[in-house]
Amino acid sequence: MNISLMYSMFLGDSPRWYKQAILSFLIVNPILLIVLNSLGLNGGFIMGWIILLQFIFTLALALKCYPLQPGGLLAIEALVMDLSNPYSMMHEIEANIEVILLLVFMVAGIFFMKNLMLTIFTKLLLNVKSKVWLSLLYCFTAAFLSAFLDALTVTAVLIGVTVGFYRIYHLIISNKYFDDTAHDIHNDASIDSLKVEELDDFKGFLRQLIMHGAVGTALGGVCTIVGEPQNLLIANIAGWDFIEFFLYMAPVTMPVFVAGLLVCFCLERFKLAGFGSELSGNIRTIFAEYAAYEDEISKNDDKKKAELAVELFVLVLLIFALAFHIAEVGIIGLGVIILLTSFKGITHEHYLGDAFKEALPFTALLCVFFAIVSVIHEQHLFTPVINYVLTFSIESQTSIFFIANGVLSAISDNVFVATIYINEVKALLDAGKISLEHFNNLTIAINTGTNIPSIATPNGQAAFLFLLTSSLAPLINLSYFRMVLMALPYTIVLTIVALISVYLFI
């Protein structure tokens, strides 16, 4: 057996130091567990935290190596070490089946709507000259859509549109964009005038817009039942409908929403935290000529007009279906796929398969994450934190719950954290240890605490992790640490505003 060949194949072309780190984790973990147990310590609890930190390490270096492989190896090792079991992992997957169906079907459904989305956002890009106002529009639009749709769905739309922008630019500067005619929409002289710095600025421009949009999904997602997966879970346990949920959350979510837009304005106006890149004149000319070329073709292309009409009609149906929650989001996504492909004439399996390529790797990664979550559950990693919070006085518990939820959601999955906390609080209510009013206040703190501070890292929110592991991230140089740094001003301001709102109004 050629050991050196196996090592060279291990984790593909990822850096040598990264391979050595993952191998050392896999080798040392079982030994460390044996040593901890032999010393009479709680080896499972300690190793659970160690594996959680190691898994976060794989997420932090997602651009060096996709986290599915190294993270999956750690998850398998955790199961082998009996820190959890396949049945607990399956239970976590079943509890989050709506999120998985959302990724499988809704993201694929948006793929067949990309022409409409690209047309709309291209018009915005060209008509809104100010980067400040364009950023505010991205943030506001993402927040509004996330309040009625779902943060992951909106993120999928933003990713698709941004990838579309990048591909247009790449095709044109490569002098490869031709239609069936021999008409080239850009001349070689203009292409040659483009500089490497302009490409870097363009990547920065796209990176900043997508980050404003991603934060916007968090601003809107915290407001309503359908915005985030845990919102529906919390509302069901609390017995709130759509309007009640919005009204209960409004004293916190509305100040946070305003603060988020103000932060967006300041970041772009004063060019802070890696924001402020402008669209160069050459690149704007490229998109203007592309838009003009597409408009010229569309005037004489009845099929394309019909396709855009179908996409617009299905988009309206999608908004109403999700707003009134006529079915689970994933099921609605399946309906979107059926409607769009049927009326656009896409009937071959090969073309259908392309729509699923973007989401399925992330879906697999999410299932691996649920294995890590099952370790958290089986080893009771967060139990000491919960017990400590419950020792505080009732008057201060609301703020403490917000802080505790925020810290845990930033390093773990906010859906999991919300599930644990809301069940604990409901148990206290059922036991008669807290009043219904105090239960409602704690529920508000749990929902806002898991949704707002969790924007600090991609670990906290599935939409952020989806963005980090998408095909867009390497195109625009969006790494884990860059995402954390760009989100930091939002994290600090929004968390402070939310905490003050919880303290004053809840």
Protein backbone atom coordinates (compact mmCIF):
# COMPACT_ATOMS: atom_id res chain seq x y z
CA MET A 1 0.00 0.00 0.00
CA ASN A 2 1.44 3.37 -1.03
CA ILE A 3 1.01 5.53 2.09
CA SER A 4 2.56 8.60 0.49
CA LEU A 5 0.09 8.40 -2.41
CA MET A 6 -2.84 8.11 0.00
CA TYR A 7 -1.57 11.14 1.92
CA SER A 8 -1.19 13.17 -1.28
CA MET A 9 -4.79 12.34 -2.21
CA PHE A 10 -6.11 13.15 1.28
CA LEU A 11 -8.28 16.31 1.10
CA GLY A 12 -7.15 16.96 -2.46
CA ASP A 13 -5.12 20.09 -3.11
CA SER A 14 -5.70 21.72 0.28
CA PRO A 15 -2.53 23.10 1.95
CA ARG A 16 -0.12 20.66 3.58
CA TRP A 17 -0.45 22.32 6.99
CA TYR A 18 -4.25 21.98 6.78
CA LYS A 19 -3.99 18.24 6.03
CA GLN A 20 -1.62 17.81 8.96
CA ALA A 21 -3.99 19.70 11.28
CA ILE A 22 -6.98 17.53 10.35
CA LEU A 23 -4.95 14.32 10.65
CA SER A 24 -3.67 15.38 14.06
CA PHE A 25 -7.24 16.05 15.19
CA LEU A 26 -8.36 12.60 14.06
CA ILE A 27 -5.41 10.85 15.72
CA VAL A 28 -5.25 12.80 18.99
CA ASN A 29 -8.99 12.91 19.78
CA PRO A 30 -9.47 9.22 20.71
CA ILE A 31 -6.25 9.21 22.73
CA LEU A 32 -7.30 12.34 24.57
CA LEU A 33 -10.72 10.86 25.35
CA ILE A 34 -9.13 7.76 26.87
CA VAL A 35 -6.77 9.89 28.97
CA LEU A 36 -9.59 12.13 30.22
CA ASN A 37 -11.75 9.17 31.21
CA SER A 38 -8.82 7.45 32.94
CA LEU A 39 -8.30 10.60 35.02
CA GLY A 40 -11.89 10.46 36.18
CA LEU A 41 -12.89 13.59 34.26
CA ASN A 42 -16.00 14.02 32.15
CA GLY A 43 -14.27 13.04 28.93
CA GLY A 44 -17.39 13.21 26.78
CA PHE A 45 -18.20 16.79 27.83
CA ILE A 46 -14.63 18.03 27.29
CA MET A 47 -14.20 16.20 23.99
CA GLY A 48 -17.57 17.51 22.82
CA TRP A 49 -16.31 21.07 23.17
CA ILE A 50 -12.99 20.16 21.54
CA ILE A 51 -14.69 18.62 18.50
CA LEU A 52 -17.07 21.59 18.28
CA LEU A 53 -14.07 23.95 18.15
CA GLN A 54 -12.34 21.73 15.60
CA PHE A 55 -15.46 21.76 13.44
CA ILE A 56 -15.57 25.56 13.66
CA PHE A 57 -11.93 25.49 12.50
CA THR A 58 -12.98 23.63 9.33
CA LEU A 59 -15.72 26.20 8.71
CA ALA A 60 -13.30 29.07 9.24
CA LEU A 61 -11.06 27.69 6.48
CA ALA A 62 -13.84 26.80 4.07
CA LEU A 63 -11.98 28.37 1.15
CA LYS A 64 -8.93 26.17 1.81
CA CYS A 65 -11.04 23.03 1.79
CA TYR A 66 -14.82 22.60 1.62
CA PRO A 67 -15.93 21.76 5.21
CA LEU A 68 -17.96 18.70 4.17
CA GLN A 69 -14.92 16.40 4.05
CA PRO A 70 -12.88 17.44 7.14
CA GLY A 71 -16.01 18.27 9.13
CA GLY A 72 -17.57 14.98 8.07
CA LEU A 73 -14.51 13.06 9.22
CA LEU A 74 -14.76 14.74 12.63
CA ALA A 75 -18.47 13.91 12.80
CA ILE A 76 -17.83 10.25 11.94
CA GLU A 77 -15.11 10.12 14.59
CA ALA A 78 -17.47 11.62 17.16
CA LEU A 79 -20.03 8.92 16.39
CA VAL A 80 -17.36 6.19 16.61
CA MET A 81 -16.15 7.62 19.93
CA ASP A 82 -19.75 7.32 21.21
CA LEU A 83 -20.07 11.04 21.85
CA SER A 84 -23.36 10.71 19.98
CA ASN A 85 -25.06 8.07 17.85
CA PRO A 86 -26.66 7.83 14.40
CA TYR A 87 -30.15 7.82 15.93
CA SER A 88 -29.58 11.18 17.65
CA MET A 89 -28.16 12.54 14.41
CA MET A 90 -31.23 11.32 12.55
CA HIS A 91 -33.45 12.94 15.19
CA GLU A 92 -31.73 16.29 14.61
CA ILE A 93 -32.19 15.91 10.83
CA GLU A 94 -35.87 15.04 11.28
CA ALA A 95 -36.36 18.06 13.55
CA ASN A 96 -34.91 20.29 10.83
CA ILE A 97 -36.39 18.57 7.77
CA GLU A 98 -38.04 21.88 6.77
CA VAL A 99 -34.62 23.51 6.40
CA ILE A 100 -33.32 20.59 4.33
CA LEU A 101 -36.35 20.63 2.03
CA LEU A 102 -35.92 24.38 1.72
CA LEU A 103 -32.36 23.92 0.50
CA VAL A 104 -33.17 21.05 -1.84
CA PHE A 105 -36.25 22.53 -3.52
CA MET A 106 -36.53 26.28 -2.90
CA VAL A 107 -32.95 27.09 -3.91
CA ALA A 108 -33.41 24.97 -7.04
CA GLY A 109 -36.68 26.76 -7.76
CA ILE A 110 -34.98 30.15 -7.61
CA PHE A 111 -32.46 28.83 -10.18
CA PHE A 112 -35.24 28.76 -12.79
CA MET A 113 -36.18 32.34 -11.86
CA LYS A 114 -32.68 33.77 -12.28
CA ASN A 115 -33.40 35.56 -15.57
CA LEU A 116 -36.08 37.72 -13.97
CA MET A 117 -33.94 38.41 -10.89
CA LEU A 118 -30.90 39.27 -12.98
CA THR A 119 -32.96 41.62 -15.15
CA ILE A 120 -34.40 43.44 -12.11
CA PHE A 121 -31.10 43.82 -10.27
CA THR A 122 -29.23 44.83 -13.41
CA LYS A 123 -31.70 47.68 -13.83
CA LEU A 124 -31.11 48.68 -10.21
CA LEU A 125 -27.35 48.51 -10.66
CA LEU A 126 -27.47 50.82 -13.66
CA ASN A 127 -30.18 53.23 -12.54
CA VAL A 128 -29.00 53.77 -8.95
CA LYS A 129 -25.73 55.63 -9.40
CA SER A 130 -24.93 56.18 -5.72
CA LYS A 131 -23.22 53.23 -4.01
CA VAL A 132 -24.65 54.41 -0.66
CA TRP A 133 -28.24 54.32 -1.89
CA LEU A 134 -27.68 51.08 -3.79
CA SER A 135 -26.36 49.43 -0.61
CA LEU A 136 -29.32 50.72 1.39
CA LEU A 137 -31.66 49.42 -1.27
CA TYR A 138 -30.01 45.98 -1.18
CA CYS A 139 -30.19 45.84 2.61
CA PHE A 140 -33.79 47.08 2.77
CA THR A 141 -35.00 44.80 -0.03
CA ALA A 142 -33.36 41.74 1.53
CA ALA A 143 -34.91 42.60 4.89
CA PHE A 144 -38.37 43.11 3.40
CA LEU A 145 -38.25 39.88 1.41
CA SER A 146 -36.89 37.90 4.36
CA ALA A 147 -39.81 39.02 6.52
CA PHE A 148 -42.25 37.38 4.10
CA LEU A 149 -40.13 34.68 2.53
CA ASP A 150 -37.16 33.09 4.27
CA ALA A 151 -33.58 34.22 4.86
CA LEU A 152 -32.13 31.23 3.00
CA THR A 153 -34.42 31.79 0.03
CA VAL A 154 -33.49 35.47 -0.19
CA THR A 155 -29.79 34.63 0.19
CA ALA A 156 -30.12 32.15 -2.67
CA VAL A 157 -31.62 34.93 -4.80
CA LEU A 158 -28.80 37.33 -3.91
CA ILE A 159 -26.17 34.68 -4.66
CA GLY A 160 -27.74 33.89 -8.02
CA VAL A 161 -27.91 37.56 -9.00
CA THR A 162 -24.34 38.29 -7.89
CA VAL A 163 -22.99 35.24 -9.72
CA GLY A 164 -24.88 36.50 -12.77
CA PHE A 165 -23.15 39.89 -12.51
CA TYR A 166 -19.74 38.26 -12.23
CA ARG A 167 -20.35 35.93 -15.16
CA ILE A 168 -21.47 38.78 -17.39
CA TYR A 169 -18.30 40.68 -16.60
CA HIS A 170 -16.08 37.62 -16.98
CA LEU A 171 -17.59 36.59 -20.32
CA ILE A 172 -17.30 40.05 -21.79
CA ILE A 173 -13.73 40.81 -20.73
CA SER A 174 -12.77 37.35 -22.01
CA ASN A 175 -14.35 38.41 -25.34
CA LYS A 176 -16.48 35.28 -25.29
CA TYR A 177 -19.99 36.69 -25.08
CA PHE A 178 -21.78 36.05 -28.37
CA ASP A 179 -25.32 35.26 -29.17
CA ASP A 180 -26.47 33.19 -32.12
CA THR A 181 -25.51 36.19 -34.23
CA ALA A 182 -21.87 37.17 -34.65
CA HIS A 183 -22.47 40.44 -32.82
CA ASP A 184 -19.99 41.17 -30.03
CA ILE A 185 -21.41 43.58 -27.47
CA HIS A 186 -18.06 45.04 -26.41
CA ASN A 187 -15.04 46.13 -28.38
CA ASP A 188 -11.50 44.95 -27.78
CA ALA A 189 -10.12 48.42 -27.13
CA SER A 190 -12.38 48.92 -24.13
CA ILE A 191 -11.57 45.44 -22.88
CA ASP A 192 -7.83 46.14 -23.06
CA SER A 193 -8.29 49.30 -21.05
CA LEU A 194 -9.56 47.40 -18.06
CA LYS A 195 -6.99 47.04 -15.30
CA VAL A 196 -6.39 44.39 -12.68
CA GLU A 197 -7.27 46.95 -10.00
CA GLU A 198 -10.68 47.38 -11.59
CA LEU A 199 -11.31 43.66 -11.30
CA ASP A 200 -10.36 43.74 -7.63
CA ASP A 201 -12.61 46.74 -7.09
CA PHE A 202 -15.44 44.98 -8.89
CA LYS A 203 -15.04 41.93 -6.64
CA GLY A 204 -15.04 44.23 -3.63
CA PHE A 205 -18.15 45.97 -4.96
CA LEU A 206 -20.02 42.67 -5.29
CA ARG A 207 -18.69 41.42 -1.95
CA GLN A 208 -19.98 44.50 -0.17
CA LEU A 209 -23.42 44.36 -1.78
CA ILE A 210 -23.89 40.68 -0.91
CA MET A 211 -22.84 41.32 2.70
CA HIS A 212 -25.32 44.20 3.02
CA GLY A 213 -27.95 41.88 1.62
CA ALA A 214 -26.99 39.02 3.94
CA VAL A 215 -27.27 41.29 6.99
CA GLY A 216 -30.58 42.50 5.61
CA THR A 217 -31.91 38.93 5.69
CA ALA A 218 -31.15 38.85 9.42
CA LEU A 219 -32.83 42.24 9.99
CA GLY A 220 -36.04 41.09 8.32
CA GLY A 221 -35.85 37.44 9.31
CA VAL A 222 -36.12 38.17 13.03
CA CYS A 223 -39.42 40.03 12.59
CA THR A 224 -41.88 37.34 11.49
CA ILE A 225 -42.72 33.68 11.86
CA VAL A 226 -41.55 32.75 8.37
CA GLY A 227 -38.29 34.72 8.49
CA GLU A 228 -36.11 32.10 10.21
CA PRO A 229 -36.67 28.38 10.94
CA GLN A 230 -36.56 28.82 14.73
CA ASN A 231 -39.17 31.60 14.59
CA LEU A 232 -41.87 29.15 13.61
CA LEU A 233 -40.79 26.74 16.35
CA ILE A 234 -40.85 29.52 18.96
CA ALA A 235 -44.23 30.82 17.78
CA ASN A 236 -45.77 27.34 17.92
CA ILE A 237 -44.62 26.80 21.52
CA ALA A 238 -45.69 30.31 22.56
CA GLY A 239 -49.03 30.01 20.74
CA TRP A 240 -48.56 33.16 18.64
CA ASP A 241 -49.90 33.73 15.14
CA PHE A 242 -48.24 35.82 12.42
CA ILE A 243 -49.49 39.21 13.67
CA GLU A 244 -48.94 38.43 17.36
CA PHE A 245 -45.37 37.35 16.71
CA PHE A 246 -44.63 40.56 14.81
CA LEU A 247 -46.16 42.77 17.53
CA TYR A 248 -44.35 40.98 20.36
CA MET A 249 -41.00 41.34 18.58
CA ALA A 250 -41.51 44.89 17.29
CA PRO A 251 -40.18 46.75 20.38
CA VAL A 252 -36.81 45.13 19.69
CA THR A 253 -36.82 44.41 15.96
CA MET A 254 -37.92 47.87 14.76
CA PRO A 255 -35.11 49.81 16.52
CA VAL A 256 -32.67 47.16 15.30
CA PHE A 257 -33.95 47.53 11.73
CA VAL A 258 -33.45 51.30 11.78
CA ALA A 259 -30.01 50.88 13.35
CA GLY A 260 -29.05 48.37 10.66
CA LEU A 261 -29.89 50.83 7.87
CA LEU A 262 -27.93 53.56 9.66
CA VAL A 263 -24.89 51.28 9.96
CA CYS A 264 -25.18 50.43 6.25
CA PHE A 265 -25.24 54.15 5.40
CA CYS A 266 -22.22 54.95 7.61
CA LEU A 267 -20.14 52.03 6.33
CA GLU A 268 -20.56 53.14 2.73
CA ARG A 269 -20.51 56.88 3.33
CA PHE A 270 -17.26 56.80 5.33
CA LYS A 271 -15.75 53.68 3.67
CA LEU A 272 -15.34 51.68 6.89
CA ALA A 273 -14.60 47.99 7.56
CA GLY A 274 -13.75 47.13 3.96
CA PHE A 275 -16.79 48.85 2.44
CA GLY A 276 -16.98 51.75 0.02
CA SER A 277 -15.76 50.31 -3.31
CA GLU A 278 -17.30 52.05 -6.31
CA LEU A 279 -18.23 50.64 -9.69
CA SER A 280 -15.69 51.93 -12.22
CA GLY A 281 -16.78 53.69 -15.37
CA ASN A 282 -15.50 50.90 -17.62
CA ILE A 283 -17.39 48.22 -15.75
CA ARG A 284 -20.57 50.31 -15.63
CA THR A 285 -20.23 50.71 -19.40
CA ILE A 286 -19.99 46.94 -19.78
CA PHE A 287 -23.26 46.42 -17.92
CA ALA A 288 -24.96 49.29 -19.73
CA GLU A 289 -24.06 47.76 -23.10
CA TYR A 290 -25.09 44.32 -21.89
CA ALA A 291 -28.46 45.65 -20.72
CA ALA A 292 -28.99 47.51 -23.98
CA TYR A 293 -28.06 44.39 -25.96
CA GLU A 294 -30.44 42.23 -23.94
CA ASP A 295 -33.24 44.78 -24.32
CA GLU A 296 -32.69 44.86 -28.08
CA ILE A 297 -32.89 41.08 -28.31
CA SER A 298 -35.90 40.89 -25.97
CA LYS A 299 -37.91 43.24 -28.18
CA ASN A 300 -37.83 40.66 -30.96
CA ASP A 301 -37.85 37.56 -28.78
CA ASP A 302 -41.41 36.60 -27.83
CA LYS A 303 -40.19 33.45 -26.11
CA LYS A 304 -38.00 35.40 -23.71
CA LYS A 305 -40.84 37.80 -22.96
CA ALA A 306 -43.11 34.86 -22.21
CA GLU A 307 -40.47 33.28 -19.94
CA LEU A 308 -40.08 36.51 -17.97
CA ALA A 309 -43.88 36.76 -17.64
CA VAL A 310 -44.06 33.19 -16.31
CA GLU A 311 -41.24 33.87 -13.84
CA LEU A 312 -42.96 37.06 -12.62
CA PHE A 313 -46.28 35.26 -12.17
CA VAL A 314 -44.70 32.42 -10.22
CA LEU A 315 -42.76 34.93 -8.09
CA VAL A 316 -46.03 36.59 -7.07
CA LEU A 317 -47.51 33.17 -6.24
CA LEU A 318 -44.38 32.34 -4.23
CA ILE A 319 -44.63 35.51 -2.12
CA PHE A 320 -48.30 34.93 -1.32
CA ALA A 321 -47.78 31.21 -0.62
CA LEU A 322 -44.96 31.88 1.82
CA ALA A 323 -46.57 34.94 3.42
CA PHE A 324 -49.73 32.97 4.22
CA HIS A 325 -47.74 29.78 4.91
CA ILE A 326 -50.03 27.55 2.87
CA ALA A 327 -47.42 24.77 3.06
CA GLU A 328 -43.89 24.17 4.30
CA VAL A 329 -41.30 26.25 2.48
CA GLY A 330 -39.65 23.23 0.84
CA ILE A 331 -42.98 21.98 -0.52
CA ILE A 332 -43.71 25.41 -1.95
CA GLY A 333 -40.26 25.31 -3.55
CA LEU A 334 -41.11 22.01 -5.19
CA GLY A 335 -44.24 23.63 -6.60
CA VAL A 336 -42.14 26.51 -7.94
CA ILE A 337 -39.87 24.03 -9.75
CA ILE A 338 -42.85 22.23 -11.31
CA LEU A 339 -44.60 25.42 -12.43
CA LEU A 340 -41.55 27.13 -13.87
CA THR A 341 -40.16 24.12 -15.70
CA SER A 342 -43.59 23.13 -17.04
CA PHE A 343 -44.43 26.50 -18.55
CA LYS A 344 -40.89 27.26 -19.70
CA GLY A 345 -40.65 23.93 -21.50
CA ILE A 346 -37.76 22.51 -19.45
CA THR A 347 -38.52 18.80 -19.50
CA HIS A 348 -35.16 17.02 -19.79
CA GLU A 349 -33.61 15.56 -16.67
CA HIS A 350 -30.18 16.93 -17.60
CA TYR A 351 -31.39 20.54 -17.43
CA LEU A 352 -33.27 19.90 -14.20
CA GLY A 353 -30.13 18.51 -12.59
CA ASP A 354 -28.21 21.76 -13.05
CA ALA A 355 -30.58 23.53 -10.66
CA PHE A 356 -29.63 21.27 -7.75
CA LYS A 357 -25.85 21.57 -8.04
CA GLU A 358 -25.60 24.73 -5.92
CA ALA A 359 -27.56 23.58 -2.88
CA LEU A 360 -26.85 19.87 -2.47
CA PRO A 361 -23.22 20.18 -1.25
CA PHE A 362 -24.44 22.60 1.40
CA THR A 363 -27.33 20.27 2.25
CA ALA A 364 -24.83 17.48 2.87
CA LEU A 365 -22.73 19.84 5.01
CA LEU A 366 -25.83 20.79 7.00
CA CYS A 367 -26.50 17.12 7.78
CA VAL A 368 -22.91 16.83 9.01
CA PHE A 369 -23.55 19.87 11.16
CA PHE A 370 -26.56 18.12 12.66
CA ALA A 371 -24.22 15.31 13.69
CA ILE A 372 -22.16 17.87 15.61
CA VAL A 373 -25.38 19.31 17.06
CA SER A 374 -26.30 15.82 18.27
CA VAL A 375 -22.96 15.74 20.12
CA ILE A 376 -23.88 19.05 21.75
CA HIS A 377 -27.22 17.56 22.77
CA GLU A 378 -25.96 14.17 23.97
CA GLN A 379 -23.07 15.61 25.99
CA HIS A 380 -25.17 18.52 27.36
CA LEU A 381 -22.54 21.07 26.37
CA PHE A 382 -24.82 24.06 26.94
CA THR A 383 -26.54 22.82 30.11
CA PRO A 384 -24.13 24.59 32.51
CA VAL A 385 -24.77 27.86 30.70
CA ILE A 386 -28.54 27.46 30.93
CA ASN A 387 -28.42 26.52 34.60
CA TYR A 388 -26.21 29.51 35.35
CA VAL A 389 -28.58 31.93 33.62
CA LEU A 390 -31.54 30.60 35.59
CA THR A 391 -29.79 31.48 38.86
CA PHE A 392 -30.23 35.22 38.20
CA SER A 393 -33.19 37.21 39.44
CA ILE A 394 -36.33 37.31 37.33
CA GLU A 395 -35.84 41.03 36.61
CA SER A 396 -32.44 40.47 35.01
CA GLN A 397 -33.14 37.12 33.33
CA THR A 398 -34.47 38.70 30.13
CA SER A 399 -31.24 40.55 29.40
CA ILE A 400 -29.12 37.61 30.54
CA PHE A 401 -31.08 35.24 28.28
CA PHE A 402 -30.47 37.58 25.35
CA ILE A 403 -26.73 37.68 26.02
CA ALA A 404 -26.43 33.92 26.63
CA ASN A 405 -28.39 33.14 23.46
CA GLY A 406 -26.28 35.58 21.48
CA VAL A 407 -22.95 34.14 22.60
CA LEU A 408 -23.99 30.54 21.98
CA SER A 409 -25.61 31.35 18.63
CA ALA A 410 -22.43 33.03 17.41
CA ILE A 411 -20.43 29.82 17.84
CA SER A 412 -23.17 27.28 17.21
CA ASP A 413 -26.40 26.96 15.24
CA ASN A 414 -29.04 29.50 16.29
CA VAL A 415 -31.85 27.05 15.50
CA PHE A 416 -30.40 24.56 17.97
CA VAL A 417 -29.81 27.21 20.64
CA ALA A 418 -33.35 28.56 20.28
CA THR A 419 -34.78 25.04 20.50
CA ILE A 420 -32.93 24.30 23.73
CA TYR A 421 -33.81 27.58 25.43
CA ILE A 422 -37.49 27.75 24.44
CA ASN A 423 -38.07 24.21 25.65
CA GLU A 424 -36.39 25.01 28.98
CA VAL A 425 -38.50 28.14 29.42
CA LYS A 426 -41.71 26.31 28.44
CA ALA A 427 -40.90 23.66 31.06
CA LEU A 428 -40.58 26.42 33.69
CA LEU A 429 -43.98 27.84 32.64
CA ASP A 430 -45.64 24.41 32.76
CA ALA A 431 -44.16 23.83 36.22
CA GLY A 432 -45.63 27.14 37.42
CA LYS A 433 -42.21 28.63 38.21
CA ILE A 434 -42.71 31.68 35.97
CA SER A 435 -45.75 33.68 34.91
CA LEU A 436 -47.13 33.82 31.37
CA GLU A 437 -46.01 37.45 31.05
CA HIS A 438 -42.45 36.56 32.05
CA PHE A 439 -42.54 33.59 29.68
CA ASN A 440 -43.49 35.92 26.81
CA ASN A 441 -40.65 38.30 27.71
CA LEU A 442 -38.12 35.48 27.84
CA THR A 443 -39.42 34.18 24.51
CA ILE A 444 -38.80 37.59 22.91
CA ALA A 445 -35.28 37.60 24.38
CA ILE A 446 -34.64 34.08 23.04
CA ASN A 447 -35.82 34.89 19.52
CA THR A 448 -33.95 38.18 19.23
CA GLY A 449 -30.90 36.77 21.02
CA THR A 450 -30.55 33.89 18.57
CA ASN A 451 -31.21 35.99 15.46
CA ILE A 452 -29.28 39.23 15.95
CA PRO A 453 -25.87 38.51 17.59
CA SER A 454 -25.57 35.35 15.48
CA ILE A 455 -24.57 37.49 12.48
CA ALA A 456 -21.13 37.69 14.12
CA THR A 457 -19.99 34.48 12.39
CA PRO A 458 -21.22 32.21 9.59
CA ASN A 459 -21.66 29.46 12.21
CA GLY A 460 -24.67 31.17 13.73
CA GLN A 461 -26.93 31.62 10.72
CA ALA A 462 -27.57 29.08 7.99
CA ALA A 463 -27.93 31.88 5.42
CA PHE A 464 -24.43 33.18 6.21
CA LEU A 465 -22.94 29.68 6.09
CA PHE A 466 -24.73 29.04 2.81
CA LEU A 467 -23.17 32.19 1.39
CA LEU A 468 -19.70 31.28 2.67
CA THR A 469 -19.80 27.79 1.12
CA SER A 470 -21.45 28.83 -2.15
CA SER A 471 -19.67 29.00 -5.48
CA LEU A 472 -19.83 32.78 -5.23
CA ALA A 473 -17.52 33.13 -2.21
CA PRO A 474 -14.23 32.21 -3.95
CA LEU A 475 -15.16 34.32 -6.98
CA ILE A 476 -15.36 37.50 -4.89
CA ASN A 477 -12.70 36.52 -2.31
CA LEU A 478 -15.20 36.24 0.54
CA SER A 479 -13.43 34.20 3.23
CA TYR A 480 -14.63 33.29 6.72
CA PHE A 481 -12.50 35.93 8.44
CA ARG A 482 -13.36 38.62 5.90
CA MET A 483 -17.05 37.89 6.43
CA VAL A 484 -16.57 38.16 10.21
CA LEU A 485 -14.73 41.48 9.88
CA MET A 486 -17.28 42.96 7.47
CA ALA A 487 -20.15 41.90 9.73
CA LEU A 488 -18.41 43.17 12.90
CA PRO A 489 -19.77 46.76 12.81
CA TYR A 490 -23.27 45.39 12.28
CA THR A 491 -22.77 42.85 15.06
CA ILE A 492 -21.62 45.42 17.61
CA VAL A 493 -24.22 48.10 16.89
CA LEU A 494 -27.21 45.81 16.38
CA THR A 495 -26.43 43.74 19.48
CA ILE A 496 -26.12 46.86 21.64
CA VAL A 497 -29.34 48.36 20.26
CA ALA A 498 -31.20 45.06 20.73
CA LEU A 499 -29.90 44.64 24.29
CA ILE A 500 -30.94 48.20 25.22
CA SER A 501 -34.37 47.60 23.66
CA VAL A 502 -34.78 44.37 25.59
CA TYR A 503 -33.78 46.12 28.81
CA LEU A 504 -36.04 49.15 28.28
CA PHE A 505 -39.13 47.75 26.59
CA ILE A 506 -39.38 44.06 27.54
